[in-house]
PDB file of N, CA and C in Angstrom:
ATOM      1  N   MET A   1      32.149  14.320 -11.442  1.00  0.00           N
ATOM      2  CA  MET A   1      32.094  13.008 -10.471  1.00  0.00           C
ATOM      3  C   MET A   1      31.062  12.807  -9.464  1.00  0.00           C
ATOM      4  N   GLY A   2      30.618  13.807  -8.947  1.00  0.00           N
ATOM      5  CA  GLY A   2      29.592  14.255  -7.674  1.00  0.00           C
ATOM      6  C   GLY A   2      28.467  13.592  -8.107  1.00  0.00           C
ATOM      7  N   ILE A   3      27.859  13.812  -9.293  1.00  0.00           N
ATOM      8  CA  ILE A   3      26.361  13.469  -9.543  1.00  0.00           C
ATOM      9  C   ILE A   3      26.616  11.854  -9.468  1.00  0.00           C
ATOM     10  N   ILE A   4      27.468  11.341 -10.122  1.00  0.00           N
ATOM     11  CA  ILE A   4      27.420   9.662 -10.348  1.00  0.00           C
ATOM     12  C   ILE A   4      27.767   9.150  -8.991  1.00  0.00           C
ATOM     13  N   ARG A   5      28.565   9.917  -8.229  1.00  0.00           N
ATOM     14  CA  ARG A   5      28.491   9.585  -6.929  1.00  0.00           C
ATOM     15  C   ARG A   5      27.313   9.275  -6.221  1.00  0.00           C
ATOM     16  N   SER A   6      26.563  10.655  -5.791  1.00  0.00           N
ATOM     17  CA  SER A   6      25.316  10.944  -4.986  1.00  0.00           C
ATOM     18  C   SER A   6      24.629   9.839  -6.123  1.00  0.00           C
ATOM     19  N   SER A   7      24.253   9.661  -7.004  1.00  0.00           N
ATOM     20  CA  SER A   7      23.082   8.978  -7.660  1.00  0.00           C
ATOM     21  C   SER A   7      23.449   7.199  -8.007  1.00  0.00           C
ATOM     22  N   PHE A   8      24.369   7.061  -7.406  1.00  0.00           N
ATOM     23  CA  PHE A   8      25.130   5.457  -7.838  1.00  0.00           C
ATOM     24  C   PHE A   8      24.163   4.493  -7.099  1.00  0.00           C
ATOM     25  N   SER A   9      23.451   4.873  -5.899  1.00  0.00           N
ATOM     26  CA  SER A   9      22.718   3.671  -5.270  1.00  0.00           C
ATOM     27  C   SER A   9      21.382   3.679  -5.730  1.00  0.00           C
ATOM     28  N   PHE A  10      21.078   5.403  -6.496  1.00  0.00           N
ATOM     29  CA  PHE A  10      19.529   5.344  -7.302  1.00  0.00           C
ATOM     30  C   PHE A  10      19.202   4.189  -8.322  1.00  0.00           C
ATOM     31  N   ILE A  11      20.600   4.710  -9.024  1.00  0.00           N
ATOM     32  CA  ILE A  11      20.997   4.099 -10.405  1.00  0.00           C
ATOM     33  C   ILE A  11      21.044   2.529 -10.073  1.00  0.00           C
ATOM     34  N   LEU A  12      22.133   1.946  -9.237  1.00  0.00           N
ATOM     35  CA  LEU A  12      21.523   0.752  -9.049  1.00  0.00           C
ATOM     36  C   LEU A  12      20.456  -0.044  -8.077  1.00  0.00           C
ATOM     37  N   GLY A  13      19.447   0.402  -7.582  1.00  0.00           N
ATOM     38  CA  GLY A  13      18.494  -0.259  -7.317  1.00  0.00           C
ATOM     39  C   GLY A  13      17.304  -0.023  -8.737  1.00  0.00           C
ATOM     40  N   THR A  14      17.682   0.909  -9.306  1.00  0.00           N
ATOM     41  CA  THR A  14      17.063   0.974 -10.279  1.00  0.00           C
ATOM     42  C   THR A  14      16.941  -0.477 -11.540  1.00  0.00           C
ATOM     43  N   VAL A  15      18.045  -0.436 -11.754  1.00  0.00           N
ATOM     44  CA  VAL A  15      18.503  -1.663 -12.471  1.00  0.00           C
ATOM     45  C   VAL A  15      18.528  -2.951 -11.663  1.00  0.00           C
ATOM     46  N   CYS A  16      18.694  -2.984 -10.184  1.00  0.00           N
ATOM     47  CA  CYS A  16      18.045  -4.210  -9.701  1.00  0.00           C
ATOM     48  C   CYS A  16      16.560  -4.202  -9.833  1.00  0.00           C
ATOM     49  N   GLY A  17      15.934  -3.567  -9.438  1.00  0.00           N
ATOM     50  CA  GLY A  17      14.249  -4.008  -9.974  1.00  0.00           C
ATOM     51  C   GLY A  17      13.629  -4.199 -11.015  1.00  0.00           C
ATOM     52  N   VAL A  18      14.377  -3.522 -12.078  1.00  0.00           N
ATOM     53  CA  VAL A  18      13.942  -3.971 -13.531  1.00  0.00           C
ATOM     54  C   VAL A  18      14.488  -5.504 -13.505  1.00  0.00           C
ATOM     55  N   TYR A  19      15.364  -6.238 -12.827  1.00  0.00           N
ATOM     56  CA  TYR A  19      15.486  -6.952 -13.220  1.00  0.00           C
ATOM     57  C   TYR A  19      14.896  -8.053 -12.589  1.00  0.00           C
ATOM     58  N   VAL A  20      14.207  -7.617 -11.211  1.00  0.00           N
ATOM     59  CA  VAL A  20      13.923  -8.924 -10.751  1.00  0.00           C
ATOM     60  C   VAL A  20      12.241  -8.357 -11.037  1.00  0.00           C
ATOM     61  N   ALA A  21      11.974  -7.609 -11.715  1.00  0.00           N
ATOM     62  CA  ALA A  21      10.262  -7.135 -12.219  1.00  0.00           C
ATOM     63  C   ALA A  21      10.383  -8.132 -13.569  1.00  0.00           C
ATOM     64  N   GLN A  22      11.238  -8.292 -14.560  1.00  0.00           N
ATOM     65  CA  GLN A  22      11.447  -8.969 -15.333  1.00  0.00           C
ATOM     66  C   GLN A  22      11.497 -10.438 -15.466  1.00  0.00           C
ATOM     67  N   ASN A  23      12.241 -10.717 -14.201  1.00  0.00           N
ATOM     68  CA  ASN A  23      12.576 -12.138 -14.320  1.00  0.00           C
ATOM     69  C   ASN A  23      11.864 -13.125 -13.514  1.00  0.00           C
ATOM     70  N   TYR A  24      11.003 -12.103 -12.205  1.00  0.00           N
ATOM     71  CA  TYR A  24      10.261 -13.186 -11.150  1.00  0.00           C
ATOM     72  C   TYR A  24       8.832 -12.775 -11.026  1.00  0.00           C
ATOM     73  N   ASP A  25       8.095 -13.505 -10.616  1.00  0.00           N
ATOM     74  CA  ASP A  25       6.691 -12.893 -10.403  1.00  0.00           C
ATOM     75  C   ASP A  25       6.545 -12.222  -9.371  1.00  0.00           C
ATOM     76  N   VAL A  26       6.565 -11.019  -9.323  1.00  0.00           N
ATOM     77  CA  VAL A  26       5.882  -9.556  -8.447  1.00  0.00           C
ATOM     78  C   VAL A  26       4.810  -9.593  -8.481  1.00  0.00           C
ATOM     79  N   PRO A  27       4.204  -9.377  -7.470  1.00  0.00           N
ATOM     80  CA  PRO A  27       2.793  -9.035  -7.353  1.00  0.00           C
ATOM     81  C   PRO A  27       2.353  -7.629  -7.516  1.00  0.00           C
ATOM     82  N   ASN A  28       1.045  -7.226  -8.031  1.00  0.00           N
ATOM     83  CA  ASN A  28       0.957  -5.988  -8.291  1.00  0.00           C
ATOM     84  C   ASN A  28       0.616  -4.994  -6.812  1.00  0.00           C
ATOM     85  N   ILE A  29       1.297  -4.361  -6.445  1.00  0.00           N
ATOM     86  CA  ILE A  29       1.140  -3.829  -5.102  1.00  0.00           C
ATOM     87  C   ILE A  29      -0.229  -2.985  -5.109  1.00  0.00           C
ATOM     88  N   ARG A  30      -0.584  -2.477  -6.305  1.00  0.00           N
ATOM     89  CA  ARG A  30      -2.061  -1.632  -6.342  1.00  0.00           C
ATOM     90  C   ARG A  30      -3.238  -2.479  -5.894  1.00  0.00           C
ATOM     91  N   LYS A  31      -3.056  -3.954  -6.368  1.00  0.00           N
ATOM     92  CA  LYS A  31      -4.325  -4.578  -6.115  1.00  0.00           C
ATOM     93  C   LYS A  31      -4.242  -5.413  -5.123  1.00  0.00           C
ATOM     94  N   VAL A  32      -2.939  -5.443  -4.326  1.00  0.00           N
ATOM     95  CA  VAL A  32      -2.939  -5.811  -2.781  1.00  0.00           C
ATOM     96  C   VAL A  32      -3.162  -5.029  -1.881  1.00  0.00           C
ATOM     97  N   ALA A  33      -2.777  -3.691  -2.268  1.00  0.00           N
ATOM     98  CA  ALA A  33      -3.365  -2.168  -1.329  1.00  0.00           C
ATOM     99  C   ALA A  33      -4.864  -2.566  -1.019  1.00  0.00           C
ATOM    100  N   ASP A  34      -5.424  -2.574  -2.170  1.00  0.00           N
ATOM    101  CA  ASP A  34      -6.863  -2.629  -2.564  1.00  0.00           C
ATOM    102  C   ASP A  34      -7.559  -3.570  -1.946  1.00  0.00           C
ATOM    103  N   SER A  35      -6.957  -4.979  -2.268  1.00  0.00           N
ATOM    104  CA  SER A  35      -7.893  -6.246  -1.127  1.00  0.00           C
ATOM    105  C   SER A  35      -7.500  -5.665   0.400  1.00  0.00           C
ATOM    106  N   ALA A  36      -6.802  -5.073   0.558  1.00  0.00           N
ATOM    107  CA  ALA A  36      -6.328  -4.825   1.825  1.00  0.00           C
ATOM    108  C   ALA A  36      -7.155  -3.518   2.639  1.00  0.00           C
ATOM    109  N   LEU A  37      -7.579  -3.030   1.637  1.00  0.00           N
ATOM    110  CA  LEU A  37      -8.783  -1.727   2.117  1.00  0.00           C
ATOM    111  C   LEU A  37      -9.647  -1.708   2.363  1.00  0.00           C
ATOM    112  N   LEU A  38     -10.159  -3.039   1.113  1.00  0.00           N
ATOM    113  CA  LEU A  38     -11.694  -3.799   1.452  1.00  0.00           C
ATOM    114  C   LEU A  38     -11.514  -4.496   2.410  1.00  0.00           C
ATOM    115  N   THR A  39     -10.495  -5.457   2.742  1.00  0.00           N
ATOM    116  CA  THR A  39     -10.672  -6.410   4.361  1.00  0.00           C
ATOM    117  C   THR A  39     -11.204  -5.294   5.203  1.00  0.00           C
ATOM    118  N   ALA A  40      -9.997  -4.265   5.411  1.00  0.00           N
ATOM    119  CA  ALA A  40     -10.214  -3.405   6.576  1.00  0.00           C
ATOM    120  C   ALA A  40     -11.735  -2.873   6.727  1.00  0.00           C
ATOM    121  N   LYS A  41     -12.043  -2.508   5.447  1.00  0.00           N
ATOM    122  CA  LYS A  41     -13.550  -1.850   5.527  1.00  0.00           C
ATOM    123  C   LYS A  41     -14.171  -2.502   6.023  1.00  0.00           C
ATOM    124  N   ALA A  42     -14.404  -3.633   5.678  1.00  0.00           N
ATOM    125  CA  ALA A  42     -15.525  -4.543   6.100  1.00  0.00           C
ATOM    126  C   ALA A  42     -15.373  -5.279   7.263  1.00  0.00           C
ATOM    127  N   TYR A  43     -14.043  -4.924   7.945  1.00  0.00           N
ATOM    128  CA  TYR A  43     -13.446  -5.750   9.293  1.00  0.00           C
ATOM    129  C   TYR A  43     -14.385  -4.322  10.531  1.00  0.00           C
ATOM    130  N   GLU A  44     -13.931  -3.592   9.671  1.00  0.00           N
ATOM    131  CA  GLU A  44     -14.845  -1.897  10.826  1.00  0.00           C
ATOM    132  C   GLU A  44     -15.815  -2.104  10.195  1.00  0.00           C
ATOM    133  N   GLU A  45     -16.315  -2.331   9.249  1.00  0.00           N
ATOM    134  CA  GLU A  45     -17.978  -2.476   9.461  1.00  0.00           C
ATOM    135  C   GLU A  45     -18.911  -3.447  10.401  1.00  0.00           C
ATOM    136  N   LYS A  46     -17.954  -4.453  10.370  1.00  0.00           N
ATOM    137  CA  LYS A  46     -18.406  -5.906  11.415  1.00  0.00           C
ATOM    138  C   LYS A  46     -18.445  -5.226  12.813  1.00  0.00           C
ATOM    139  N   TYR A  47     -17.359  -5.029  13.402  1.00  0.00           N
ATOM    140  CA  TYR A  47     -16.991  -4.479  14.600  1.00  0.00           C
ATOM    141  C   TYR A  47     -17.320  -3.418  14.797  1.00  0.00           C
ATOM    142  N   ARG A  48     -17.732  -2.355  14.515  1.00  0.00           N
ATOM    143  CA  ARG A  48     -18.307  -0.968  14.759  1.00  0.00           C
ATOM    144  C   ARG A  48     -19.125  -1.251  15.617  1.00  0.00           C
ATOM    145  N   LYS A  49     -19.214  -0.014  16.432  1.00  0.00           N
ATOM    146  CA  LYS A  49     -20.120  -0.169  17.503  1.00  0.00           C
ATOM    147  C   LYS A  49     -21.227   0.772  17.176  1.00  0.00           C
ATOM    148  N   SER A  50     -22.431   0.524  17.420  1.00  0.00           N
ATOM    149  CA  SER A  50     -23.573   1.194  16.869  1.00  0.00           C
ATOM    150  C   SER A  50     -23.878   2.345  17.729  1.00  0.00           C
ATOM    151  N   LYS A  51     -24.030   3.873  17.282  1.00  0.00           N
ATOM    152  CA  LYS A  51     -24.342   4.669  17.255  1.00  0.00           C
ATOM    153  C   LYS A  51     -25.540   4.600  18.678  1.00  0.00           C
ATOM    154  N   LYS A  52     -25.384   4.926  19.710  1.00  0.00           N
ATOM    155  CA  LYS A  52     -26.610   5.280  20.677  1.00  0.00           C
ATOM    156  C   LYS A  52     -27.335   6.808  20.606  1.00  0.00           C
ATOM    157  N   ARG A  53     -28.662   6.391  20.443  1.00  0.00           N
ATOM    158  CA  ARG A  53     -29.604   7.977  20.550  1.00  0.00           C
ATOM    159  C   ARG A  53     -30.080   8.218  21.929  1.00  0.00           C
ATOM    160  N   SER A  54     -29.485   9.843  22.043  1.00  0.00           N
ATOM    161  CA  SER A  54     -30.129  10.349  22.864  1.00  0.00           C
ATOM    162  C   SER A  54     -31.501  10.599  23.107  1.00  0.00           C
ATOM    163  N   ASN A  55     -32.817  11.184  24.097  1.00  0.00           N
ATOM    164  CA  ASN A  55     -33.855  11.536  23.866  1.00  0.00           C
ATOM    165  C   ASN A  55     -33.958  12.911  23.885  1.00  0.00           C
ATOM    166  N   ASN A  56     -33.025  13.440  23.586  1.00  0.00           N
ATOM    167  CA  ASN A  56     -33.147  14.784  22.935  1.00  0.00           C
ATOM    168  C   ASN A  56     -32.699  14.589  21.312  1.00  0.00           C
ATOM    169  N   ASP A  57     -32.225  13.949  20.850  1.00  0.00           N
ATOM    170  CA  ASP A  57     -32.688  13.548  19.452  1.00  0.00           C
ATOM    171  C   ASP A  57     -33.974  13.480  18.819  1.00  0.00           C
ATOM    172  N   ASP A  58     -34.494  14.407  17.742  1.00  0.00           N
ATOM    173  CA  ASP A  58     -35.717  14.450  17.309  1.00  0.00           C
ATOM    174  C   ASP A  58     -35.250  13.678  15.662  1.00  0.00           C
TER     175      ASP A  58
END
């Protein structure tokens, strides 16, 4: 009885997740994360401060 009670929320979440994935148009998380990463990189390159060179550098 203990294993069923302790894993009930995990099983319920899995079943609900499978139902939602099959019946609704859920976006691909990997594609969303990749596009956010590319946007962040472009933003960083656009607004990055330029490196100052000192007179001691050769």
